[in-house]
Structures are given as C-alpha cells and as structure tokens.
Amino acid sequence: MNQTNQTAKTVYLTTYWIWIALFVIAPLVLVVYYSFFDIDGNLSLENYQTFFTSTYLTMTLSSFWYAFLITFFSLLVGYPTAYLLTKTKHKQLWLLLILLPSWINLLLKAYAFLGIFGTYGITNQFLEAIGIGTKQILFTDFSFVFVSVYIFIPFMILPIYNAIEKLPPSLVYASRDLGASNWTTFRRVIFPLTLDGVKSGIQIVFIPALSLFMITRLIAGNRVITLGTAIEQQFLVTQNWGMGSTIAVFLILAMVLVMVITRDWGAKGAVRR
C-alpha cells in the first residue's frame, strides 16, 4: 500500500514539474534570452541601455502610478463591500452577483463602456438631463481608472471577504465587551487580522494592472501608456522582439518586487498590534 502511494506521489510530482518547466520556466528563459538581441538579431545590451532612457523610465513610473490608483480605489471600495457582505442575508447570492461580471469576456465589457461613456451614451444623457451638458468622458484618465477598477474589483473583494469570514466573532465581541468603540475594534482587531486578505487582493489587482494594454487602447485611446502597451507595440507593431522581451523582464521583476513587499503583511501586522 505504501509503495503504491509512493508511486502515485512520484507520478503527480513528475507531472507537476514537467508542467512548471514547460509553461513557467521555459517562457521565462525565452524572454530573458531574446532580451539580449537587438532588432537585427545581433547579441547586444542595447535594449537594456534603451530601457534606462527617460522615455521608458517615465513609462515605468506611469505604469506604477496607474496600477497604484487602480489598486487603491479597488481596496477603498472592495473592503467595505466585503465587510458588508459578511453581515447581510443571502451573502452567497450577493457574492455571486458581484463575481458574475468577471465571467464575461474582458473585450465585451470594454466595448460596453464605449457605449456607456460615449458622447451619446447613457452617462452623457444623464448629464444632459440634469443640466450639466455633454462631457468628454472616454479617452481620459478617469475613464481608464474607472473601467479598470470595475474589472478588478471582484478580485479584491473575494480574498478580503474570505479573510473576514474566517475571523472568529469572539474576538470582536471581546473587544466590544472591553469598551472599545466600533472604530477601535475595526482598527485594532478586524483590519489587522484580515491583512492576509488585503495582501492577496493587492497582489491580484496591482500585478495585472501593471501590464494592462487593451483597456489603454479602447477606453483611454492610447492617452495612457503602460509597460503592457509598450510590450504589445514592440512585439506586434515594430517587430522588435528583443526590446519587447527586455520590457517584459523588468515587468516580471516589478511583479516579483510587489510580491516580496506584500509578503507576510498579515502575520507581521497582527504581531505588531
């Protein structure tokens, strides 16, 4: 019996490592490999030198700034929503309704907002009705951040909701029995003990927000340029795979940095408090 279990375990592990090697390690190795070749196919460090020019450094800062805004507003809306969900009846139904839009194709949702925010869309019709008049909503920073938050917010709510659901109610009752106000209970008990959910939500939102490219085209009209947009242009427009790979290398490093920074927030926060 033990030998059978050991054989099965070996098969599972072998399959797992083959999958990791083919679909994780190999693509990363290829990206790093191509980053050392210029547009003519010559081995060179030119791509890395180009990346550290003002154009790409500004683009990198812009990507981090927009990713920060998207994550901040997702958290600002997502945490209260997740908290209220745990207190309502039929919470599973409400959670399903919140997650339902994430099942819809991203392209379809982006096109839907083209109609909603368009010159003759429902938003401008409402502004006309209340006397404000038609406004240019599409192709602005506001529309880009708004649509991005709408797309990512379910992924912020879900881990926070799970963290709050696992919080022992006895700790909250004990805090209130000891005379703590609702705000103090939230600040000293609820929030520190749900930081794991916040950390997961930040990772799930911030990391993909760094590499957005389709929304920048459809909703922002290329007024917002991110690292994801630059990678798409290098691979599909200029056919400079080396430069595209170089940008991807730094994007991967940025993602790893975010994961390292947010790692163990929950445990350390709880210990400090």
Protein backbone atom coordinates (compact mmCIF):
# COMPACT_ATOMS: atom_id res chain seq x y z
CA MET A 1 0.00 0.00 0.00
CA ASN A 2 2.80 2.40 0.93
CA GLN A 3 4.64 1.57 -2.26
CA THR A 4 1.52 2.30 -4.30
CA ASN A 5 1.07 5.66 -2.57
CA GLN A 6 4.72 6.49 -3.15
CA THR A 7 4.43 5.63 -6.86
CA ALA A 8 1.33 7.78 -7.23
CA LYS A 9 3.05 10.66 -5.43
CA THR A 10 6.06 10.35 -7.74
CA VAL A 11 3.82 10.43 -10.82
CA TYR A 12 1.96 13.51 -9.57
CA LEU A 13 5.18 15.35 -8.73
CA THR A 14 6.74 14.44 -12.07
CA THR A 15 3.68 15.74 -13.93
CA TYR A 16 3.73 18.91 -11.84
CA TRP A 17 7.40 19.64 -12.52
CA ILE A 18 7.00 18.94 -16.24
CA TRP A 19 4.14 21.45 -16.34
CA ILE A 20 6.21 24.03 -14.42
CA ALA A 21 9.21 23.50 -16.71
CA LEU A 22 7.19 23.82 -19.95
CA PHE A 23 4.80 26.63 -19.07
CA VAL A 24 6.64 28.68 -16.43
CA ILE A 25 10.40 28.22 -16.60
CA ALA A 26 10.76 27.81 -20.38
CA PRO A 27 8.81 31.01 -21.26
CA LEU A 28 10.81 33.00 -18.72
CA VAL A 29 14.08 31.67 -20.12
CA LEU A 30 12.98 32.57 -23.66
CA VAL A 31 12.02 36.11 -22.62
CA VAL A 32 15.40 36.67 -20.97
CA TYR A 33 17.19 35.09 -23.95
CA TYR A 34 15.52 37.31 -26.55
CA SER A 35 16.12 40.42 -24.44
CA PHE A 36 19.82 40.24 -25.33
CA PHE A 37 19.23 40.57 -29.09
CA ASP A 38 18.66 43.83 -30.97
CA ILE A 39 16.17 44.32 -33.79
CA ASP A 40 18.69 42.96 -36.32
CA GLY A 41 19.21 39.76 -34.33
CA ASN A 42 22.66 40.68 -33.02
CA LEU A 43 23.71 39.87 -29.47
CA SER A 44 23.74 43.19 -27.66
CA LEU A 45 22.96 45.09 -24.46
CA GLU A 46 21.38 47.89 -26.47
CA ASN A 47 17.87 47.03 -25.30
CA TYR A 48 18.82 47.40 -21.63
CA GLN A 49 20.56 50.70 -22.35
CA THR A 50 17.45 51.93 -24.17
CA PHE A 51 15.20 50.92 -21.29
CA PHE A 52 17.09 53.19 -18.90
CA THR A 53 16.38 56.27 -21.00
CA SER A 54 13.89 58.89 -19.86
CA THR A 55 11.14 57.59 -22.16
CA TYR A 56 10.94 54.12 -20.68
CA LEU A 57 11.64 55.22 -17.12
CA THR A 58 8.74 57.68 -17.37
CA MET A 59 6.57 54.91 -18.78
CA THR A 60 7.54 52.65 -15.88
CA LEU A 61 6.65 55.31 -13.31
CA SER A 62 3.38 55.93 -15.14
CA SER A 63 2.56 52.20 -15.03
CA PHE A 64 3.21 52.05 -11.29
CA TRP A 65 1.15 55.19 -10.71
CA TYR A 66 -1.89 53.92 -12.57
CA ALA A 67 -1.56 50.47 -11.00
CA PHE A 68 -1.43 52.16 -7.59
CA LEU A 69 -4.57 54.20 -8.34
CA ILE A 70 -6.46 51.15 -9.59
CA THR A 71 -5.42 49.12 -6.54
CA PHE A 72 -6.17 51.96 -4.11
CA PHE A 73 -9.70 52.59 -5.38
CA SER A 74 -10.37 48.85 -5.64
CA LEU A 75 -9.38 48.48 -1.98
CA LEU A 76 -11.29 51.60 -0.96
CA VAL A 77 -14.50 50.18 -2.41
CA GLY A 78 -13.73 46.49 -2.01
CA TYR A 79 -13.03 46.32 1.74
CA PRO A 80 -16.31 47.96 2.91
CA THR A 81 -18.21 45.90 0.34
CA ALA A 82 -16.64 42.65 1.54
CA TYR A 83 -17.31 43.60 5.17
CA LEU A 84 -20.97 44.40 4.48
CA LEU A 85 -21.37 41.16 2.54
CA THR A 86 -20.43 39.15 5.63
CA LYS A 87 -23.22 40.89 7.58
CA THR A 88 -26.05 40.52 5.06
CA LYS A 89 -28.54 37.72 4.50
CA HIS A 90 -28.08 35.57 1.40
CA LYS A 91 -24.42 36.57 1.34
CA GLN A 92 -23.52 33.80 -1.10
CA LEU A 93 -26.07 35.12 -3.60
CA TRP A 94 -24.75 38.68 -3.33
CA LEU A 95 -21.19 37.43 -3.68
CA LEU A 96 -22.18 35.52 -6.80
CA LEU A 97 -23.75 38.66 -8.29
CA ILE A 98 -20.53 40.59 -7.64
CA LEU A 99 -18.37 37.88 -9.21
CA LEU A 100 -20.70 37.33 -12.17
CA PRO A 101 -19.27 40.19 -14.30
CA SER A 102 -15.82 38.59 -14.08
CA TRP A 103 -17.17 35.67 -16.13
CA ILE A 104 -17.87 38.00 -19.05
CA ASN A 105 -15.18 38.45 -21.66
CA LEU A 106 -12.96 41.47 -20.96
CA LEU A 107 -13.30 42.75 -24.51
CA LEU A 108 -17.10 42.73 -24.28
CA LYS A 109 -17.01 44.73 -21.04
CA ALA A 110 -14.65 47.26 -22.59
CA TYR A 111 -16.94 47.71 -25.60
CA ALA A 112 -19.92 48.09 -23.27
CA PHE A 113 -18.21 51.06 -21.62
CA LEU A 114 -17.57 52.60 -25.03
CA GLY A 115 -21.33 52.89 -25.26
CA ILE A 116 -21.88 53.92 -21.65
CA PHE A 117 -19.25 56.69 -21.67
CA GLY A 118 -19.63 57.69 -25.33
CA THR A 119 -20.85 61.09 -26.49
CA TYR A 120 -24.40 59.78 -26.92
CA GLY A 121 -24.15 57.18 -24.18
CA ILE A 122 -26.30 56.81 -21.08
CA THR A 123 -23.86 58.76 -18.89
CA ASN A 124 -23.93 61.86 -21.10
CA GLN A 125 -27.69 61.54 -21.48
CA PHE A 126 -27.96 61.70 -17.70
CA LEU A 127 -25.62 64.71 -17.55
CA GLU A 128 -27.75 66.44 -20.18
CA ALA A 129 -30.92 65.69 -18.21
CA ILE A 130 -29.60 67.32 -15.03
CA GLY A 131 -28.30 70.36 -16.90
CA ILE A 132 -24.56 69.72 -16.82
CA GLY A 133 -24.25 69.02 -20.53
CA THR A 134 -22.24 66.58 -22.60
CA LYS A 135 -18.72 65.87 -21.37
CA GLN A 136 -15.74 64.08 -22.86
CA ILE A 137 -15.57 61.02 -20.61
CA LEU A 138 -13.98 58.49 -22.91
CA PHE A 139 -10.24 58.69 -23.66
CA THR A 140 -9.44 60.25 -20.29
CA ASP A 141 -7.52 59.13 -17.21
CA PHE A 142 -10.82 58.98 -15.32
CA SER A 143 -12.43 56.52 -17.75
CA PHE A 144 -9.32 54.33 -17.77
CA VAL A 145 -9.10 54.11 -13.96
CA PHE A 146 -12.87 53.71 -13.56
CA VAL A 147 -13.17 50.83 -16.03
CA SER A 148 -10.04 49.16 -14.66
CA VAL A 149 -11.40 49.34 -11.10
CA TYR A 150 -14.72 47.91 -12.29
CA ILE A 151 -12.91 44.98 -13.92
CA PHE A 152 -10.58 44.23 -11.00
CA ILE A 153 -12.80 44.92 -8.01
CA PRO A 154 -14.30 41.39 -7.75
CA PHE A 155 -10.76 40.06 -7.35
CA MET A 156 -10.19 42.48 -4.48
CA ILE A 157 -13.48 41.66 -2.75
CA LEU A 158 -13.19 37.87 -2.78
CA PRO A 159 -9.96 37.38 -0.73
CA ILE A 160 -10.99 40.10 1.74
CA TYR A 161 -14.43 38.52 2.11
CA ASN A 162 -12.84 35.14 2.82
CA ALA A 163 -10.49 36.68 5.41
CA ILE A 164 -13.35 38.43 7.23
CA GLU A 165 -15.47 35.27 7.14
CA LYS A 166 -12.68 33.34 8.88
CA LEU A 167 -12.33 35.97 11.63
CA PRO A 168 -13.56 34.48 14.94
CA PRO A 169 -16.59 36.55 16.10
CA SER A 170 -15.50 36.02 19.71
CA LEU A 171 -12.58 38.41 19.19
CA VAL A 172 -14.93 41.17 18.05
CA TYR A 173 -17.31 40.51 20.95
CA ALA A 174 -14.40 40.56 23.40
CA SER A 175 -13.19 43.90 22.06
CA ARG A 176 -16.63 45.45 22.48
CA ASP A 177 -17.07 43.94 25.94
CA LEU A 178 -13.84 45.64 26.96
CA GLY A 179 -15.31 49.01 25.94
CA ALA A 180 -13.75 49.51 22.52
CA SER A 181 -15.73 51.57 20.03
CA ASN A 182 -16.65 50.22 16.61
CA TRP A 183 -13.81 52.18 15.02
CA THR A 184 -11.28 50.95 17.59
CA THR A 185 -12.46 47.38 17.14
CA PHE A 186 -12.05 47.68 13.40
CA ARG A 187 -8.65 49.37 13.64
CA ARG A 188 -7.14 47.14 16.34
CA VAL A 189 -8.86 43.79 15.73
CA ILE A 190 -10.70 43.35 12.43
CA PHE A 191 -8.33 45.06 10.00
CA PRO A 192 -5.04 43.63 11.37
CA LEU A 193 -6.45 40.10 11.39
CA THR A 194 -7.71 40.40 7.82
CA LEU A 195 -4.50 41.79 6.35
CA ASP A 196 -3.84 38.45 4.63
CA GLY A 197 -6.94 39.05 2.52
CA VAL A 198 -5.90 42.64 1.82
CA LYS A 199 -2.43 41.46 0.82
CA SER A 200 -3.84 38.86 -1.57
CA GLY A 201 -6.24 41.40 -3.07
CA ILE A 202 -3.43 43.90 -3.63
CA GLN A 203 -1.31 41.26 -5.35
CA ILE A 204 -4.18 40.08 -7.55
CA VAL A 205 -5.04 43.63 -8.64
CA PHE A 206 -1.72 45.50 -8.68
CA ILE A 207 0.30 42.93 -10.61
CA PRO A 208 -2.00 42.58 -13.66
CA ALA A 209 -2.77 46.32 -13.53
CA LEU A 210 0.90 46.96 -14.33
CA SER A 211 0.56 45.17 -17.66
CA LEU A 212 -2.79 46.45 -18.94
CA PHE A 213 -2.80 47.19 -22.64
CA MET A 214 -6.19 46.54 -24.26
CA ILE A 215 -8.08 48.95 -22.00
CA THR A 216 -5.48 51.64 -22.66
CA ARG A 217 -6.35 51.42 -26.35
CA LEU A 218 -10.13 51.09 -26.19
CA ILE A 219 -11.00 53.23 -23.16
CA ALA A 220 -8.05 55.62 -22.82
CA GLY A 221 -7.42 55.98 -26.55
CA ASN A 222 -3.66 55.45 -26.03
CA ARG A 223 -3.54 58.56 -23.83
CA VAL A 224 -2.36 56.21 -21.08
CA ILE A 225 0.80 54.28 -21.95
CA THR A 226 1.83 51.42 -19.68
CA LEU A 227 4.52 48.75 -19.83
CA GLY A 228 1.92 46.34 -21.17
CA THR A 229 1.14 48.74 -24.03
CA ALA A 230 4.84 49.10 -24.82
CA ILE A 231 5.33 45.32 -24.91
CA GLU A 232 2.39 44.94 -27.29
CA GLN A 233 3.76 47.65 -29.59
CA GLN A 234 7.26 46.17 -29.64
CA PHE A 235 6.06 42.66 -30.47
CA LEU A 236 3.18 43.41 -32.84
CA VAL A 237 3.94 46.81 -34.40
CA THR A 238 7.70 47.38 -34.58
CA GLN A 239 8.51 43.64 -34.52
CA ASN A 240 11.36 44.35 -32.08
CA TRP A 241 11.12 41.20 -30.02
CA GLY A 242 14.33 41.99 -28.17
CA MET A 243 13.06 45.31 -26.80
CA GLY A 244 9.68 43.78 -26.01
CA SER A 245 11.39 40.99 -24.10
CA THR A 246 13.55 43.50 -22.22
CA ILE A 247 10.48 45.43 -21.07
CA ALA A 248 8.88 42.12 -20.09
CA VAL A 249 11.94 41.23 -17.99
CA PHE A 250 11.62 44.44 -15.97
CA LEU A 251 7.86 43.95 -15.71
CA ILE A 252 8.43 40.48 -14.25
CA LEU A 253 10.98 41.90 -11.81
CA ALA A 254 8.46 44.55 -10.76
CA MET A 255 5.84 41.89 -10.15
CA VAL A 256 8.25 39.86 -8.04
CA LEU A 257 9.12 43.00 -6.07
CA VAL A 258 5.43 43.63 -5.33
CA MET A 259 5.01 40.05 -4.10
CA VAL A 260 8.08 40.35 -1.84
CA ILE A 261 6.92 43.67 -0.38
CA THR A 262 3.40 42.43 0.37
CA ARG A 263 4.55 39.04 1.69
CA ASP A 264 3.77 38.34 5.35
CA TRP A 265 1.92 41.64 5.84
CA GLY A 266 -0.90 39.89 7.64
CA ALA A 267 1.25 38.00 10.12
CA LYS A 268 3.59 40.92 10.84
CA GLY A 269 0.71 43.34 11.17
CA ALA A 270 -1.06 41.09 13.65
CA VAL A 271 2.13 40.62 15.70
CA ARG A 272 2.85 44.35 15.86
CA ARG A 273 -0.63 45.06 17.11
